[in-house]
């Protein structure tokens, strides 16, 4: 297990925070990978004292971050303990792992589909590209409950990708898409960019549904790269 110290916490929305950690030694990881945090706490519930998190920051910095959402009702004991951490607190975590990462061939178009907190690996990858002034052909569809839950939009706007936020509910000031991720649109996007790789990240049920629907429509399995979050039933 590796060790890190909590450096600071950013309140991104009322229920979403970004936790910045300073590792004991420089952390080597690839944008989009994840780690497992170990956080001992009193009276843990049946979900335990460990939890998987995508590293939401880009590689190369002195700090790394995770971004987490606290459930509105009955949050887990782990999340309550995480939310209670103060700067200077020590945590343990595993070596980063996972293959939900950018393809080596920079010419391949990319379609990113994110549900809720599933935006974190996409943020890591896009921030990595922006930091290195590498432009890739990326379309991003980002599904959340309300406009207030959209994260990292400044980066997405400045990078120059094709960005489509989709919200479930919004007031009259919202001029974008309202509803849910439209599978017909995704099928059309996949057909119009036949060499594109399609990355999907978010709640398990959403990712499984989209994967099945895209495969049913004829999208080859090798084009679909999936990453989902256990325990999240919606965005």
C-alpha atoms as a PDB file:
ATOM      1  CA  UNK A   1       0.000   0.000   0.000  1.00  0.00           C
ATOM      2  CA  UNK A   2       1.118   3.550  -0.784  1.00  0.00           C
ATOM      3  CA  UNK A   3       0.625   6.511   1.530  1.00  0.00           C
ATOM      4  CA  UNK A   4      -0.536  10.064   0.950  1.00  0.00           C
ATOM      5  CA  UNK A   5      -1.538  13.137   2.950  1.00  0.00           C
ATOM      6  CA  UNK A   6      -4.723  15.098   2.324  1.00  0.00           C
ATOM      7  CA  UNK A   7      -3.619  18.506   1.034  1.00  0.00           C
ATOM      8  CA  UNK A   8      -6.931  20.261   0.373  1.00  0.00           C
ATOM      9  CA  UNK A   9     -10.591  19.755  -0.492  1.00  0.00           C
ATOM     10  CA  UNK A  10     -12.602  21.559  -3.185  1.00  0.00           C
ATOM     11  CA  UNK A  11     -16.388  21.776  -2.881  1.00  0.00           C
ATOM     12  CA  UNK A  12     -17.470  21.418  -6.526  1.00  0.00           C
ATOM     13  CA  UNK A  13     -21.230  21.148  -5.844  1.00  0.00           C
ATOM     14  CA  UNK A  14     -23.229  20.790  -2.607  1.00  0.00           C
ATOM     15  CA  UNK A  15     -22.690  17.005  -2.717  1.00  0.00           C
ATOM     16  CA  UNK A  16     -19.521  16.591  -4.800  1.00  0.00           C
ATOM     17  CA  UNK A  17     -15.997  17.206  -3.543  1.00  0.00           C
ATOM     18  CA  UNK A  18     -12.560  16.910  -5.064  1.00  0.00           C
ATOM     19  CA  UNK A  19      -9.954  15.635  -2.592  1.00  0.00           C
ATOM     20  CA  UNK A  20      -6.323  16.528  -3.317  1.00  0.00           C
ATOM     21  CA  UNK A  21      -3.612  14.269  -1.900  1.00  0.00           C
ATOM     22  CA  UNK A  22       0.157  14.587  -1.722  1.00  0.00           C
ATOM     23  CA  UNK A  23       1.707  11.131  -2.215  1.00  0.00           C
ATOM     24  CA  UNK A  24       4.675  10.117  -0.113  1.00  0.00           C
ATOM     25  CA  UNK A  25       6.596   9.596  -3.344  1.00  0.00           C
ATOM     26  CA  UNK A  26       5.883  10.715  -6.937  1.00  0.00           C
ATOM     27  CA  UNK A  27       2.874   8.854  -8.305  1.00  0.00           C
ATOM     28  CA  UNK A  28       3.186   7.177 -11.697  1.00  0.00           C
ATOM     29  CA  UNK A  29      -0.147   6.564 -13.427  1.00  0.00           C
ATOM     30  CA  UNK A  30      -1.858   6.807 -16.804  1.00  0.00           C
ATOM     31  CA  UNK A  31      -4.757   9.216 -17.320  1.00  0.00           C
ATOM     32  CA  UNK A  32      -8.018   7.341 -16.735  1.00  0.00           C
ATOM     33  CA  UNK A  33      -6.674   4.774 -14.268  1.00  0.00           C
ATOM     34  CA  UNK A  34      -8.092   4.121 -10.806  1.00  0.00           C
ATOM     35  CA  UNK A  35      -6.869   3.284  -7.316  1.00  0.00           C
ATOM     36  CA  UNK A  36      -8.313   1.725  -4.163  1.00  0.00           C
ATOM     37  CA  UNK A  37      -8.380   3.901  -1.044  1.00  0.00           C
ATOM     38  CA  UNK A  38      -8.148   2.326   2.397  1.00  0.00           C
ATOM     39  CA  UNK A  39      -9.786   4.446   5.075  1.00  0.00           C
ATOM     40  CA  UNK A  40     -10.135   2.768   8.500  1.00  0.00           C
ATOM     41  CA  UNK A  41     -13.043   4.195  10.506  1.00  0.00           C
ATOM     42  CA  UNK A  42     -15.249   3.311  13.450  1.00  0.00           C
ATOM     43  CA  UNK A  43     -18.270   1.064  12.889  1.00  0.00           C
ATOM     44  CA  UNK A  44     -17.877   0.486   9.141  1.00  0.00           C
ATOM     45  CA  UNK A  45     -21.002  -0.678   7.347  1.00  0.00           C
ATOM     46  CA  UNK A  46     -21.187  -3.744   5.106  1.00  0.00           C
ATOM     47  CA  UNK A  47     -19.489  -1.868   2.239  1.00  0.00           C
ATOM     48  CA  UNK A  48     -16.280  -1.862   4.247  1.00  0.00           C
ATOM     49  CA  UNK A  49     -13.268   0.396   4.615  1.00  0.00           C
ATOM     50  CA  UNK A  50     -11.974   0.305   1.026  1.00  0.00           C
ATOM     51  CA  UNK A  51     -13.344   1.913  -2.105  1.00  0.00           C
ATOM     52  CA  UNK A  52     -12.301   2.207  -5.760  1.00  0.00           C
ATOM     53  CA  UNK A  53     -11.866   5.708  -7.170  1.00  0.00           C
ATOM     54  CA  UNK A  54     -10.756   7.009 -10.541  1.00  0.00           C
ATOM     55  CA  UNK A  55      -7.844   9.416 -10.250  1.00  0.00           C
ATOM     56  CA  UNK A  56      -9.599  12.509 -11.561  1.00  0.00           C
ATOM     57  CA  UNK A  57      -6.488  14.654 -11.972  1.00  0.00           C
ATOM     58  CA  UNK A  58      -4.001  14.367 -14.811  1.00  0.00           C
ATOM     59  CA  UNK A  59      -0.603  12.690 -14.418  1.00  0.00           C
ATOM     60  CA  UNK A  60       2.487  14.748 -13.775  1.00  0.00           C
ATOM     61  CA  UNK A  61       1.517  16.925 -10.833  1.00  0.00           C
ATOM     62  CA  UNK A  62       2.839  16.942  -7.285  1.00  0.00           C
ATOM     63  CA  UNK A  63      -0.708  16.171  -6.085  1.00  0.00           C
ATOM     64  CA  UNK A  64      -3.382  13.780  -7.303  1.00  0.00           C
ATOM     65  CA  UNK A  65      -7.127  13.952  -6.788  1.00  0.00           C
ATOM     66  CA  UNK A  66     -10.239  11.858  -6.472  1.00  0.00           C
ATOM     67  CA  UNK A  67     -13.710  13.293  -6.972  1.00  0.00           C
ATOM     68  CA  UNK A  68     -16.602  11.839  -5.005  1.00  0.00           C
ATOM     69  CA  UNK A  69     -20.336  12.334  -4.569  1.00  0.00           C
ATOM     70  CA  UNK A  70     -22.097  11.966  -1.220  1.00  0.00           C
ATOM     71  CA  UNK A  71     -25.480  10.253  -1.389  1.00  0.00           C
ATOM     72  CA  UNK A  72     -28.394  12.470  -0.404  1.00  0.00           C
ATOM     73  CA  UNK A  73     -29.822   9.747   1.826  1.00  0.00           C
ATOM     74  CA  UNK A  74     -27.966   7.183   3.940  1.00  0.00           C
ATOM     75  CA  UNK A  75     -24.398   7.710   2.692  1.00  0.00           C
ATOM     76  CA  UNK A  76     -22.023   4.853   3.396  1.00  0.00           C
ATOM     77  CA  UNK A  77     -19.796   4.897   6.471  1.00  0.00           C
ATOM     78  CA  UNK A  78     -16.794   5.160   4.112  1.00  0.00           C
ATOM     79  CA  UNK A  79     -18.149   8.303   2.443  1.00  0.00           C
ATOM     80  CA  UNK A  80     -18.978   9.864   5.811  1.00  0.00           C
ATOM     81  CA  UNK A  81     -15.409   9.171   6.966  1.00  0.00           C
ATOM     82  CA  UNK A  82     -14.001  10.599   3.740  1.00  0.00           C
ATOM     83  CA  UNK A  83     -16.093  13.747   4.100  1.00  0.00           C
ATOM     84  CA  UNK A  84     -14.837  14.159   7.673  1.00  0.00           C
ATOM     85  CA  UNK A  85     -11.136  14.172   6.689  1.00  0.00           C
ATOM     86  CA  UNK A  86      -9.174  17.330   7.427  1.00  0.00           C
ATOM     87  CA  UNK A  87      -6.009  18.490   5.620  1.00  0.00           C
ATOM     88  CA  UNK A  88      -3.017  16.635   7.039  1.00  0.00           C
ATOM     89  CA  UNK A  89      -4.912  13.353   7.388  1.00  0.00           C
ATOM     90  CA  UNK A  90      -3.064  10.252   6.183  1.00  0.00           C
ATOM     91  CA  UNK A  91      -4.589   7.696   3.835  1.00  0.00           C
ATOM     92  CA  UNK A  92      -3.396   4.520   2.148  1.00  0.00           C
ATOM     93  CA  UNK A  93      -4.018   3.571  -1.453  1.00  0.00           C
ATOM     94  CA  UNK A  94      -2.972   0.990  -4.030  1.00  0.00           C
ATOM     95  CA  UNK A  95      -0.835   1.370  -7.139  1.00  0.00           C
ATOM     96  CA  UNK A  96      -3.005   2.831  -9.940  1.00  0.00           C
ATOM     97  CA  UNK A  97      -4.362   0.303 -12.406  1.00  0.00           C
ATOM     98  CA  UNK A  98      -6.854  -0.161 -15.241  1.00  0.00           C
ATOM     99  CA  UNK A  99      -6.998   0.045 -19.032  1.00  0.00           C
ATOM    100  CA  UNK A 100      -9.695   2.711 -19.424  1.00  0.00           C
ATOM    101  CA  UNK A 101      -7.049   4.937 -21.001  1.00  0.00           C
ATOM    102  CA  UNK A 102      -6.403   6.812 -24.229  1.00  0.00           C
ATOM    103  CA  UNK A 103      -5.461   4.760 -27.290  1.00  0.00           C
ATOM    104  CA  UNK A 104      -1.863   5.099 -28.405  1.00  0.00           C
ATOM    105  CA  UNK A 105      -3.012   5.936 -31.931  1.00  0.00           C
ATOM    106  CA  UNK A 106      -3.775   9.656 -31.662  1.00  0.00           C
ATOM    107  CA  UNK A 107      -5.548   9.608 -35.041  1.00  0.00           C
ATOM    108  CA  UNK A 108      -8.522   7.590 -33.761  1.00  0.00           C
ATOM    109  CA  UNK A 109     -11.684   9.640 -33.118  1.00  0.00           C
ATOM    110  CA  UNK A 110     -13.079   9.258 -29.604  1.00  0.00           C
ATOM    111  CA  UNK A 111     -16.662   9.317 -28.333  1.00  0.00           C
ATOM    112  CA  UNK A 112     -16.858   9.843 -24.561  1.00  0.00           C
ATOM    113  CA  UNK A 113     -20.149   9.067 -22.789  1.00  0.00           C
ATOM    114  CA  UNK A 114     -20.266   9.958 -19.095  1.00  0.00           C
ATOM    115  CA  UNK A 115     -23.028   9.545 -16.545  1.00  0.00           C
ATOM    116  CA  UNK A 116     -22.725  11.620 -13.377  1.00  0.00           C
ATOM    117  CA  UNK A 117     -19.491  11.068 -11.460  1.00  0.00           C
ATOM    118  CA  UNK A 118     -18.390   8.858 -14.370  1.00  0.00           C
ATOM    119  CA  UNK A 119     -16.955  12.040 -15.878  1.00  0.00           C
ATOM    120  CA  UNK A 120     -13.793  11.668 -13.753  1.00  0.00           C
ATOM    121  CA  UNK A 121     -11.688   9.454 -16.072  1.00  0.00           C
ATOM    122  CA  UNK A 122     -12.661  11.627 -19.046  1.00  0.00           C
ATOM    123  CA  UNK A 123     -11.523  14.698 -17.113  1.00  0.00           C
ATOM    124  CA  UNK A 124      -8.175  13.059 -16.358  1.00  0.00           C
ATOM    125  CA  UNK A 125      -7.638  12.171 -20.019  1.00  0.00           C
ATOM    126  CA  UNK A 126      -8.712  15.533 -21.437  1.00  0.00           C
ATOM    127  CA  UNK A 127      -6.668  17.452 -18.843  1.00  0.00           C
ATOM    128  CA  UNK A 128      -3.651  15.292 -19.743  1.00  0.00           C
ATOM    129  CA  UNK A 129      -4.073  16.145 -23.421  1.00  0.00           C
ATOM    130  CA  UNK A 130      -4.616  19.852 -22.703  1.00  0.00           C
ATOM    131  CA  UNK A 131      -1.541  20.028 -20.466  1.00  0.00           C
ATOM    132  CA  UNK A 132       0.554  18.598 -23.292  1.00  0.00           C
ATOM    133  CA  UNK A 133      -1.115  20.660 -26.033  1.00  0.00           C
ATOM    134  CA  UNK A 134      -2.242  17.505 -27.804  1.00  0.00           C
ATOM    135  CA  UNK A 135      -5.453  17.892 -29.775  1.00  0.00           C
ATOM    136  CA  UNK A 136      -7.594  14.833 -30.487  1.00  0.00           C
ATOM    137  CA  UNK A 137     -10.977  14.429 -32.156  1.00  0.00           C
ATOM    138  CA  UNK A 138     -13.289  13.986 -29.150  1.00  0.00           C
ATOM    139  CA  UNK A 139     -17.064  14.092 -28.786  1.00  0.00           C
ATOM    140  CA  UNK A 140     -18.324  14.175 -25.188  1.00  0.00           C
ATOM    141  CA  UNK A 141     -21.882  13.478 -24.037  1.00  0.00           C
ATOM    142  CA  UNK A 142     -22.278  14.150 -20.322  1.00  0.00           C
ATOM    143  CA  UNK A 143     -25.499  13.142 -18.525  1.00  0.00           C
ATOM    144  CA  UNK A 144     -26.427  14.592 -15.094  1.00  0.00           C
ATOM    145  CA  UNK A 145     -29.559  15.346 -13.080  1.00  0.00           C
ATOM    146  CA  UNK A 146     -29.330  19.136 -13.296  1.00  0.00           C
ATOM    147  CA  UNK A 147     -27.023  21.829 -14.732  1.00  0.00           C
ATOM    148  CA  UNK A 148     -25.635  22.491 -11.249  1.00  0.00           C
ATOM    149  CA  UNK A 149     -24.072  18.999 -11.233  1.00  0.00           C
ATOM    150  CA  UNK A 150     -21.991  19.533 -14.374  1.00  0.00           C
ATOM    151  CA  UNK A 151     -18.298  19.345 -13.489  1.00  0.00           C
ATOM    152  CA  UNK A 152     -15.138  20.568 -15.242  1.00  0.00           C
ATOM    153  CA  UNK A 153     -17.033  22.390 -17.993  1.00  0.00           C
ATOM    154  CA  UNK A 154     -14.391  25.140 -18.288  1.00  0.00           C
ATOM    155  CA  UNK A 155     -11.844  22.526 -19.362  1.00  0.00           C
ATOM    156  CA  UNK A 156     -14.214  20.897 -21.841  1.00  0.00           C
ATOM    157  CA  UNK A 157     -15.113  24.255 -23.391  1.00  0.00           C
ATOM    158  CA  UNK A 158     -11.512  25.436 -23.637  1.00  0.00           C
ATOM    159  CA  UNK A 159     -10.140  22.173 -25.061  1.00  0.00           C
ATOM    160  CA  UNK A 160     -12.270  22.438 -28.172  1.00  0.00           C
ATOM    161  CA  UNK A 161     -14.055  19.092 -28.134  1.00  0.00           C
ATOM    162  CA  UNK A 162     -17.658  18.602 -29.243  1.00  0.00           C
ATOM    163  CA  UNK A 163     -19.413  18.899 -25.870  1.00  0.00           C
ATOM    164  CA  UNK A 164     -23.072  17.937 -25.314  1.00  0.00           C
ATOM    165  CA  UNK A 165     -24.337  18.147 -21.728  1.00  0.00           C
ATOM    166  CA  UNK A 166     -27.678  16.409 -21.106  1.00  0.00           C
ATOM    167  CA  UNK A 167     -29.691  17.138 -17.957  1.00  0.00           C
ATOM    168  CA  UNK A 168     -32.749  15.381 -16.532  1.00  0.00           C
ATOM    169  CA  UNK A 169     -34.382  18.533 -15.218  1.00  0.00           C
ATOM    170  CA  UNK A 170     -33.701  22.252 -15.650  1.00  0.00           C
ATOM    171  CA  UNK A 171     -35.428  25.616 -15.390  1.00  0.00           C
ATOM    172  CA  UNK A 172     -36.201  27.982 -18.254  1.00  0.00           C
ATOM    173  CA  UNK A 173     -32.670  29.410 -18.251  1.00  0.00           C
ATOM    174  CA  UNK A 174     -31.247  26.103 -19.557  1.00  0.00           C
ATOM    175  CA  UNK A 175     -30.870  26.095 -23.342  1.00  0.00           C
ATOM    176  CA  UNK A 176     -29.275  22.667 -23.768  1.00  0.00           C
ATOM    177  CA  UNK A 177     -30.589  19.098 -24.030  1.00  0.00           C
ATOM    178  CA  UNK A 178     -33.116  17.829 -21.478  1.00  0.00           C
ATOM    179  CA  UNK A 179     -33.847  14.149 -20.909  1.00  0.00           C
ATOM    180  CA  UNK A 180     -31.521  11.175 -20.859  1.00  0.00           C
ATOM    181  CA  UNK A 181     -28.743   9.885 -23.087  1.00  0.00           C
ATOM    182  CA  UNK A 182     -30.370   9.094 -26.403  1.00  0.00           C
ATOM    183  CA  UNK A 183     -29.288   5.692 -27.732  1.00  0.00           C
ATOM    184  CA  UNK A 184     -30.432   6.658 -31.244  1.00  0.00           C
ATOM    185  CA  UNK A 185     -28.033   9.597 -31.192  1.00  0.00           C
ATOM    186  CA  UNK A 186     -25.198   7.367 -30.000  1.00  0.00           C
ATOM    187  CA  UNK A 187     -25.868   4.864 -32.764  1.00  0.00           C
ATOM    188  CA  UNK A 188     -25.785   7.667 -35.335  1.00  0.00           C
ATOM    189  CA  UNK A 189     -22.534   9.038 -33.911  1.00  0.00           C
ATOM    190  CA  UNK A 190     -20.996   5.562 -34.033  1.00  0.00           C
ATOM    191  CA  UNK A 191     -22.110   5.115 -37.651  1.00  0.00           C
ATOM    192  CA  UNK A 192     -20.849   8.548 -38.722  1.00  0.00           C
ATOM    193  CA  UNK A 193     -17.413   7.875 -37.215  1.00  0.00           C
ATOM    194  CA  UNK A 194     -16.852   4.177 -37.973  1.00  0.00           C
ATOM    195  CA  UNK A 195     -13.285   4.142 -36.643  1.00  0.00           C
ATOM    196  CA  UNK A 196     -14.149   5.930 -33.380  1.00  0.00           C
ATOM    197  CA  UNK A 197     -13.620   4.231 -30.048  1.00  0.00           C
ATOM    198  CA  UNK A 198     -16.556   4.677 -27.668  1.00  0.00           C
ATOM    199  CA  UNK A 199     -15.712   5.156 -23.987  1.00  0.00           C
ATOM    200  CA  UNK A 200     -18.553   4.800 -21.448  1.00  0.00           C
ATOM    201  CA  UNK A 201     -18.281   5.578 -17.739  1.00  0.00           C
ATOM    202  CA  UNK A 202     -20.906   5.936 -15.013  1.00  0.00           C
ATOM    203  CA  UNK A 203     -23.403   3.879 -13.010  1.00  0.00           C
ATOM    204  CA  UNK A 204     -23.205   0.167 -13.744  1.00  0.00           C
ATOM    205  CA  UNK A 205     -26.770  -0.174 -15.042  1.00  0.00           C
ATOM    206  CA  UNK A 206     -26.359   2.742 -17.446  1.00  0.00           C
ATOM    207  CA  UNK A 207     -23.066   1.477 -18.873  1.00  0.00           C
ATOM    208  CA  UNK A 208     -24.394  -2.073 -19.270  1.00  0.00           C
ATOM    209  CA  UNK A 209     -27.541  -0.808 -21.021  1.00  0.00           C
ATOM    210  CA  UNK A 210     -25.641   1.415 -23.452  1.00  0.00           C
ATOM    211  CA  UNK A 211     -23.123  -1.327 -24.208  1.00  0.00           C
ATOM    212  CA  UNK A 212     -25.891  -3.839 -24.963  1.00  0.00           C
ATOM    213  CA  UNK A 213     -27.836  -1.386 -27.134  1.00  0.00           C
ATOM    214  CA  UNK A 214     -24.794  -0.349 -29.145  1.00  0.00           C
ATOM    215  CA  UNK A 215     -23.785  -3.967 -29.716  1.00  0.00           C
ATOM    216  CA  UNK A 216     -27.348  -4.766 -30.760  1.00  0.00           C
ATOM    217  CA  UNK A 217     -27.189  -1.957 -33.310  1.00  0.00           C
ATOM    218  CA  UNK A 218     -24.082  -3.504 -34.860  1.00  0.00           C
ATOM    219  CA  UNK A 219     -21.244  -1.593 -33.194  1.00  0.00           C
ATOM    220  CA  UNK A 220     -18.263  -3.959 -32.922  1.00  0.00           C
ATOM    221  CA  UNK A 221     -17.262  -4.962 -29.400  1.00  0.00           C
ATOM    222  CA  UNK A 222     -13.653  -3.885 -29.907  1.00  0.00           C
ATOM    223  CA  UNK A 223     -14.842  -0.280 -30.301  1.00  0.00           C
ATOM    224  CA  UNK A 224     -16.537  -0.235 -26.866  1.00  0.00           C
ATOM    225  CA  UNK A 225     -14.494   0.548 -23.744  1.00  0.00           C
ATOM    226  CA  UNK A 226     -16.535   0.453 -20.542  1.00  0.00           C
ATOM    227  CA  UNK A 227     -15.895   1.571 -16.990  1.00  0.00           C
ATOM    228  CA  UNK A 228     -18.604   1.621 -14.318  1.00  0.00           C
ATOM    229  CA  UNK A 229     -19.093   2.445 -10.661  1.00  0.00           C
ATOM    230  CA  UNK A 230     -20.477  -0.283  -8.391  1.00  0.00           C
ATOM    231  CA  UNK A 231     -23.264   0.842  -6.109  1.00  0.00           C
ATOM    232  CA  UNK A 232     -24.393   3.868  -8.148  1.00  0.00           C
ATOM    233  CA  UNK A 233     -27.890   3.256  -9.476  1.00  0.00           C
ATOM    234  CA  UNK A 234     -28.284   6.551 -11.307  1.00  0.00           C
ATOM    235  CA  UNK A 235     -26.249   9.534 -12.401  1.00  0.00           C
END
